Amino acid sequence: MEFELRGEFVALCDLLKLTGIADSGGQGKFMIANGEVTVDGQPETRKTAKIRANQIVRCLGRQILVVAA
């Protein structure tokens, strides 16, 4: 799926919530802490990592391509 970025970046936990992968920001943070999320193929454990355009986030077998607005 694609996510259209409205600003310079989006926090990783917010991205998971906005795309529906996580039901809430808290669940997104839990998934990140458990090592279930990768950014550009690398494990990401920072809950508020700044995700920018052209990055790829993977979680629970789903892929998000972040694109500029």
PDB file of N, CA and C in Angstrom:
ATOM      1  N   MET A   1       0.844  -1.181   0.000  1.00  0.00           N
ATOM      2  CA  MET A   1       0.000   0.000   0.000  1.00  0.00           C
ATOM      3  C   MET A   1       0.882   1.234   0.000  1.00  0.00           C
ATOM      4  N   GLU A   2       0.305   2.343  -0.421  1.00  0.00           N
ATOM      5  CA  GLU A   2       1.027   3.611  -0.399  1.00  0.00           C
ATOM      6  C   GLU A   2       0.424   4.524   0.666  1.00  0.00           C
ATOM      7  N   PHE A   3       1.292   5.305   1.296  1.00  0.00           N
ATOM      8  CA  PHE A   3       0.856   6.311   2.258  1.00  0.00           C
ATOM      9  C   PHE A   3       1.362   7.649   1.778  1.00  0.00           C
ATOM     10  N   GLU A   4       0.448   8.596   1.580  1.00  0.00           N
ATOM     11  CA  GLU A   4       0.833   9.924   1.103  1.00  0.00           C
ATOM     12  C   GLU A   4       1.210  10.809   2.281  1.00  0.00           C
ATOM     13  N   LEU A   5       2.454  11.240   2.280  1.00  0.00           N
ATOM     14  CA  LEU A   5       3.000  12.070   3.356  1.00  0.00           C
ATOM     15  C   LEU A   5       2.519  13.499   3.187  1.00  0.00           C
ATOM     16  N   ARG A   6       1.981  14.084   4.230  1.00  0.00           N
ATOM     17  CA  ARG A   6       1.469  15.457   4.145  1.00  0.00           C
ATOM     18  C   ARG A   6       2.478  16.494   4.625  1.00  0.00           C
ATOM     19  N   GLY A   7       3.452  16.060   5.389  1.00  0.00           N
ATOM     20  CA  GLY A   7       4.484  16.974   5.878  1.00  0.00           C
ATOM     21  C   GLY A   7       5.853  16.440   5.526  1.00  0.00           C
ATOM     22  N   GLU A   8       6.846  16.828   6.315  1.00  0.00           N
ATOM     23  CA  GLU A   8       8.220  16.384   6.063  1.00  0.00           C
ATOM     24  C   GLU A   8       8.419  14.927   6.466  1.00  0.00           C
ATOM     25  N   PHE A   9       7.736  14.515   7.547  1.00  0.00           N
ATOM     26  CA  PHE A   9       7.872  13.147   8.045  1.00  0.00           C
ATOM     27  C   PHE A   9       6.640  12.775   8.855  1.00  0.00           C
ATOM     28  N   VAL A  10       6.544  11.475   9.190  1.00  0.00           N
ATOM     29  CA  VAL A  10       5.507  10.976  10.086  1.00  0.00           C
ATOM     30  C   VAL A  10       6.188  10.041  11.076  1.00  0.00           C
ATOM     31  N   ALA A  11       5.763  10.078  12.326  1.00  0.00           N
ATOM     32  CA  ALA A  11       6.329   9.175  13.329  1.00  0.00           C
ATOM     33  C   ALA A  11       5.904   7.738  13.003  1.00  0.00           C
ATOM     34  N   LEU A  12       6.811   6.803  13.197  1.00  0.00           N
ATOM     35  CA  LEU A  12       6.554   5.408  12.838  1.00  0.00           C
ATOM     36  C   LEU A  12       5.302   4.866  13.521  1.00  0.00           C
ATOM     37  N   CYS A  13       5.126   5.118  14.803  1.00  0.00           N
ATOM     38  CA  CYS A  13       3.947   4.602  15.507  1.00  0.00           C
ATOM     39  C   CYS A  13       2.663   5.204  14.936  1.00  0.00           C
ATOM     40  N   ASP A  14       2.708   6.463  14.527  1.00  0.00           N
ATOM     41  CA  ASP A  14       1.538   7.103  13.911  1.00  0.00           C
ATOM     42  C   ASP A  14       1.253   6.518  12.533  1.00  0.00           C
ATOM     43  N   LEU A  15       2.290   6.209  11.784  1.00  0.00           N
ATOM     44  CA  LEU A  15       2.117   5.621  10.457  1.00  0.00           C
ATOM     45  C   LEU A  15       1.384   4.287  10.551  1.00  0.00           C
ATOM     46  N   LEU A  16       1.767   3.467  11.520  1.00  0.00           N
ATOM     47  CA  LEU A  16       1.102   2.165  11.683  1.00  0.00           C
ATOM     48  C   LEU A  16      -0.372   2.343  12.009  1.00  0.00           C
ATOM     49  N   LYS A  17      -0.687   3.357  12.804  1.00  0.00           N
ATOM     50  CA  LYS A  17      -2.080   3.628  13.145  1.00  0.00           C
ATOM     51  C   LYS A  17      -2.841   4.195  11.950  1.00  0.00           C
ATOM     52  N   LEU A  18      -2.258   5.142  11.250  1.00  0.00           N
ATOM     53  CA  LEU A  18      -2.930   5.796  10.121  1.00  0.00           C
ATOM     54  C   LEU A  18      -3.205   4.846   8.961  1.00  0.00           C
ATOM     55  N   THR A  19      -2.369   3.824   8.803  1.00  0.00           N
ATOM     56  CA  THR A  19      -2.556   2.868   7.719  1.00  0.00           C
ATOM     57  C   THR A  19      -3.441   1.692   8.124  1.00  0.00           C
ATOM     58  N   GLY A  20      -3.836   1.629   9.396  1.00  0.00           N
ATOM     59  CA  GLY A  20      -4.723   0.566   9.850  1.00  0.00           C
ATOM     60  C   GLY A  20      -4.021  -0.720  10.238  1.00  0.00           C
ATOM     61  N   ILE A  21      -2.699  -0.731  10.191  1.00  0.00           N
ATOM     62  CA  ILE A  21      -1.975  -1.931  10.620  1.00  0.00           C
ATOM     63  C   ILE A  21      -2.103  -2.101  12.128  1.00  0.00           C
ATOM     64  N   ALA A  22      -2.059  -0.988  12.842  1.00  0.00           N
ATOM     65  CA  ALA A  22      -2.268  -0.998  14.292  1.00  0.00           C
ATOM     66  C   ALA A  22      -3.596  -0.308  14.592  1.00  0.00           C
ATOM     67  N   ASP A  23      -4.317  -0.827  15.573  1.00  0.00           N
ATOM     68  CA  ASP A  23      -5.601  -0.233  15.947  1.00  0.00           C
ATOM     69  C   ASP A  23      -5.427   1.084  16.692  1.00  0.00           C
ATOM     70  N   SER A  24      -4.267   1.253  17.328  1.00  0.00           N
ATOM     71  CA  SER A  24      -4.018   2.475  18.095  1.00  0.00           C
ATOM     72  C   SER A  24      -2.523   2.763  18.084  1.00  0.00           C
ATOM     73  N   GLY A  25      -2.177   3.965  18.516  1.00  0.00           N
ATOM     74  CA  GLY A  25      -0.765   4.316  18.626  1.00  0.00           C
ATOM     75  C   GLY A  25      -0.052   3.429  19.627  1.00  0.00           C
ATOM     76  N   GLY A  26      -0.757   3.073  20.689  1.00  0.00           N
ATOM     77  CA  GLY A  26      -0.184   2.197  21.711  1.00  0.00           C
ATOM     78  C   GLY A  26       0.132   0.814  21.159  1.00  0.00           C
ATOM     79  N   GLN A  27      -0.779   0.280  20.347  1.00  0.00           N
ATOM     80  CA  GLN A  27      -0.529  -1.015  19.738  1.00  0.00           C
ATOM     81  C   GLN A  27       0.647  -0.928  18.767  1.00  0.00           C
ATOM     82  N   GLY A  28       0.722   0.186  18.030  1.00  0.00           N
ATOM     83  CA  GLY A  28       1.849   0.397  17.122  1.00  0.00           C
ATOM     84  C   GLY A  28       3.172   0.410  17.873  1.00  0.00           C
ATOM     85  N   LYS A  29       3.213   1.107  19.006  1.00  0.00           N
ATOM     86  CA  LYS A  29       4.425   1.161  19.817  1.00  0.00           C
ATOM     87  C   LYS A  29       4.809  -0.224  20.316  1.00  0.00           C
ATOM     88  N   PHE A  30       3.825  -1.028  20.696  1.00  0.00           N
ATOM     89  CA  PHE A  30       4.059  -2.389  21.170  1.00  0.00           C
ATOM     90  C   PHE A  30       4.663  -3.237  20.050  1.00  0.00           C
ATOM     91  N   MET A  31       4.130  -3.113  18.833  1.00  0.00           N
ATOM     92  CA  MET A  31       4.629  -3.873  17.694  1.00  0.00           C
ATOM     93  C   MET A  31       6.074  -3.490  17.382  1.00  0.00           C
ATOM     94  N   ILE A  32       6.373  -2.198  17.470  1.00  0.00           N
ATOM     95  CA  ILE A  32       7.736  -1.720  17.217  1.00  0.00           C
ATOM     96  C   ILE A  32       8.681  -2.272  18.283  1.00  0.00           C
ATOM     97  N   ALA A  33       8.273  -2.195  19.551  1.00  0.00           N
ATOM     98  CA  ALA A  33       9.108  -2.675  20.656  1.00  0.00           C
ATOM     99  C   ALA A  33       9.380  -4.173  20.545  1.00  0.00           C
ATOM    100  N   ASN A  34       8.433  -4.922  19.979  1.00  0.00           N
ATOM    101  CA  ASN A  34       8.585  -6.370  19.833  1.00  0.00           C
ATOM    102  C   ASN A  34       9.401  -6.762  18.603  1.00  0.00           C
ATOM    103  N   GLY A  35       9.907  -5.782  17.853  1.00  0.00           N
ATOM    104  CA  GLY A  35      10.740  -6.078  16.706  1.00  0.00           C
ATOM    105  C   GLY A  35       9.976  -6.544  15.479  1.00  0.00           C
ATOM    106  N   GLU A  36       8.694  -6.201  15.385  1.00  0.00           N
ATOM    107  CA  GLU A  36       7.857  -6.638  14.269  1.00  0.00           C
ATOM    108  C   GLU A  36       7.898  -5.684  13.083  1.00  0.00           C
ATOM    109  N   VAL A  37       8.678  -4.598  13.185  1.00  0.00           N
ATOM    110  CA  VAL A  37       8.668  -3.559  12.151  1.00  0.00           C
ATOM    111  C   VAL A  37      10.066  -3.376  11.566  1.00  0.00           C
ATOM    112  N   THR A  38      10.134  -3.271  10.228  1.00  0.00           N
ATOM    113  CA  THR A  38      11.389  -2.920   9.575  1.00  0.00           C
ATOM    114  C   THR A  38      11.177  -1.668   8.727  1.00  0.00           C
ATOM    115  N   VAL A  39      12.232  -0.889   8.604  1.00  0.00           N
ATOM    116  CA  VAL A  39      12.227   0.300   7.749  1.00  0.00           C
ATOM    117  C   VAL A  39      13.389   0.130   6.782  1.00  0.00           C
ATOM    118  N   ASP A  40      13.078   0.149   5.502  1.00  0.00           N
ATOM    119  CA  ASP A  40      14.084  -0.064   4.456  1.00  0.00           C
ATOM    120  C   ASP A  40      14.889  -1.340   4.707  1.00  0.00           C
ATOM    121  N   GLY A  41      14.204  -2.389   5.173  1.00  0.00           N
ATOM    122  CA  GLY A  41      14.834  -3.692   5.364  1.00  0.00           C
ATOM    123  C   GLY A  41      15.591  -3.877   6.661  1.00  0.00           C
ATOM    124  N   GLN A  42      15.651  -2.845   7.496  1.00  0.00           N
ATOM    125  CA  GLN A  42      16.374  -2.929   8.762  1.00  0.00           C
ATOM    126  C   GLN A  42      15.391  -2.870   9.940  1.00  0.00           C
ATOM    127  N   PRO A  43      15.596  -3.686  10.971  1.00  0.00           N
ATOM    128  CA  PRO A  43      14.711  -3.610  12.150  1.00  0.00           C
ATOM    129  C   PRO A  43      14.735  -2.203  12.739  1.00  0.00           C
ATOM    130  N   GLU A  44      13.569  -1.725  13.137  1.00  0.00           N
ATOM    131  CA  GLU A  44      13.465  -0.378  13.720  1.00  0.00           C
ATOM    132  C   GLU A  44      12.795  -0.494  15.079  1.00  0.00           C
ATOM    133  N   THR A  45      13.471  -0.026  16.128  1.00  0.00           N
ATOM    134  CA  THR A  45      12.924  -0.107  17.479  1.00  0.00           C
ATOM    135  C   THR A  45      12.598   1.259  18.064  1.00  0.00           C
ATOM    136  N   ARG A  46      12.860   2.321  17.321  1.00  0.00           N
ATOM    137  CA  ARG A  46      12.513   3.665  17.812  1.00  0.00           C
ATOM    138  C   ARG A  46      11.048   3.930  17.478  1.00  0.00           C
ATOM    139  N   LYS A  47      10.238   4.069  18.490  1.00  0.00           N
ATOM    140  CA  LYS A  47       8.794   4.207  18.300  1.00  0.00           C
ATOM    141  C   LYS A  47       8.416   5.452  17.511  1.00  0.00           C
ATOM    142  N   THR A  48       9.177   6.514  17.679  1.00  0.00           N
ATOM    143  CA  THR A  48       8.845   7.768  16.985  1.00  0.00           C
ATOM    144  C   THR A  48       9.862   8.083  15.886  1.00  0.00           C
ATOM    145  N   ALA A  49      10.451   7.040  15.299  1.00  0.00           N
ATOM    146  CA  ALA A  49      11.395   7.246  14.193  1.00  0.00           C
ATOM    147  C   ALA A  49      10.710   8.069  13.111  1.00  0.00           C
ATOM    148  N   LYS A  50      11.435   9.011  12.549  1.00  0.00           N
ATOM    149  CA  LYS A  50      10.871   9.885  11.513  1.00  0.00           C
ATOM    150  C   LYS A  50      10.907   9.164  10.174  1.00  0.00           C
ATOM    151  N   ILE A  51       9.739   8.865   9.653  1.00  0.00           N
ATOM    152  CA  ILE A  51       9.619   8.180   8.375  1.00  0.00           C
ATOM    153  C   ILE A  51       9.355   9.236   7.311  1.00  0.00           C
ATOM    154  N   ARG A  52      10.184   9.223   6.281  1.00  0.00           N
ATOM    155  CA  ARG A  52      10.130  10.236   5.228  1.00  0.00           C
ATOM    156  C   ARG A  52       9.747   9.601   3.892  1.00  0.00           C
ATOM    157  N   ALA A  53       9.504  10.443   2.897  1.00  0.00           N
ATOM    158  CA  ALA A  53       9.121   9.967   1.564  1.00  0.00           C
ATOM    159  C   ALA A  53      10.170   8.995   1.024  1.00  0.00           C
ATOM    160  N   ASN A  54       9.710   8.022   0.275  1.00  0.00           N
ATOM    161  CA  ASN A  54      10.525   7.004  -0.392  1.00  0.00           C
ATOM    162  C   ASN A  54      11.064   5.935   0.535  1.00  0.00           C
ATOM    163  N   GLN A  55      10.597   5.894   1.781  1.00  0.00           N
ATOM    164  CA  GLN A  55      10.994   4.813   2.675  1.00  0.00           C
ATOM    165  C   GLN A  55       9.927   3.722   2.618  1.00  0.00           C
ATOM    166  N   ILE A  56      10.361   2.489   2.893  1.00  0.00           N
ATOM    167  CA  ILE A  56       9.452   1.348   2.884  1.00  0.00           C
ATOM    168  C   ILE A  56       9.405   0.761   4.286  1.00  0.00           C
ATOM    169  N   VAL A  57       8.190   0.642   4.821  1.00  0.00           N
ATOM    170  CA  VAL A  57       7.972   0.090   6.154  1.00  0.00           C
ATOM    171  C   VAL A  57       7.251  -1.238   5.991  1.00  0.00           C
ATOM    172  N   ARG A  58       7.724  -2.257   6.703  1.00  0.00           N
ATOM    173  CA  ARG A  58       7.069  -3.564   6.665  1.00  0.00           C
ATOM    174  C   ARG A  58       6.685  -3.972   8.082  1.00  0.00           C
ATOM    175  N   CYS A  59       5.474  -4.533   8.202  1.00  0.00           N
ATOM    176  CA  CYS A  59       4.983  -4.996   9.497  1.00  0.00           C
ATOM    177  C   CYS A  59       3.883  -6.022   9.255  1.00  0.00           C
ATOM    178  N   LEU A  60       3.960  -7.149   9.947  1.00  0.00           N
ATOM    179  CA  LEU A  60       2.949  -8.200   9.857  1.00  0.00           C
ATOM    180  C   LEU A  60       2.665  -8.621   8.411  1.00  0.00           C
ATOM    181  N   GLY A  61       3.710  -8.709   7.603  1.00  0.00           N
ATOM    182  CA  GLY A  61       3.557  -9.141   6.224  1.00  0.00           C
ATOM    183  C   GLY A  61       3.005  -8.094   5.292  1.00  0.00           C
ATOM    184  N   ARG A  62       2.783  -6.891   5.778  1.00  0.00           N
ATOM    185  CA  ARG A  62       2.271  -5.815   4.942  1.00  0.00           C
ATOM    186  C   ARG A  62       3.377  -4.808   4.686  1.00  0.00           C
ATOM    187  N   GLN A  63       3.330  -4.186   3.511  1.00  0.00           N
ATOM    188  CA  GLN A  63       4.351  -3.206   3.120  1.00  0.00           C
ATOM    189  C   GLN A  63       3.697  -1.857   2.873  1.00  0.00           C
ATOM    190  N   ILE A  64       4.354  -0.817   3.383  1.00  0.00           N
ATOM    191  CA  ILE A  64       3.876   0.556   3.177  1.00  0.00           C
ATOM    192  C   ILE A  64       4.984   1.320   2.457  1.00  0.00           C
ATOM    193  N   LEU A  65       4.654   1.874   1.296  1.00  0.00           N
ATOM    194  CA  LEU A  65       5.569   2.771   0.587  1.00  0.00           C
ATOM    195  C   LEU A  65       5.122   4.187   0.895  1.00  0.00           C
ATOM    196  N   VAL A  66       6.025   4.965   1.494  1.00  0.00           N
ATOM    197  CA  VAL A  66       5.703   6.343   1.856  1.00  0.00           C
ATOM    198  C   VAL A  66       6.055   7.230   0.659  1.00  0.00           C
ATOM    199  N   VAL A  67       5.066   7.971   0.160  1.00  0.00           N
ATOM    200  CA  VAL A  67       5.278   8.823  -1.002  1.00  0.00           C
ATOM    201  C   VAL A  67       5.007  10.286  -0.638  1.00  0.00           C
ATOM    202  N   ALA A  68       5.692  11.185  -1.326  1.00  0.00           N
ATOM    203  CA  ALA A  68       5.492  12.621  -1.099  1.00  0.00           C
ATOM    204  C   ALA A  68       4.128  13.038  -1.625  1.00  0.00           C
ATOM    205  N   ALA A  69       3.523  14.025  -0.967  1.00  0.00           N
ATOM    206  CA  ALA A  69       2.205  14.517  -1.386  1.00  0.00           C
ATOM    207  C   ALA A  69       2.294  15.255  -2.708  1.00  0.00           C
TER     208      ALA A  69
END
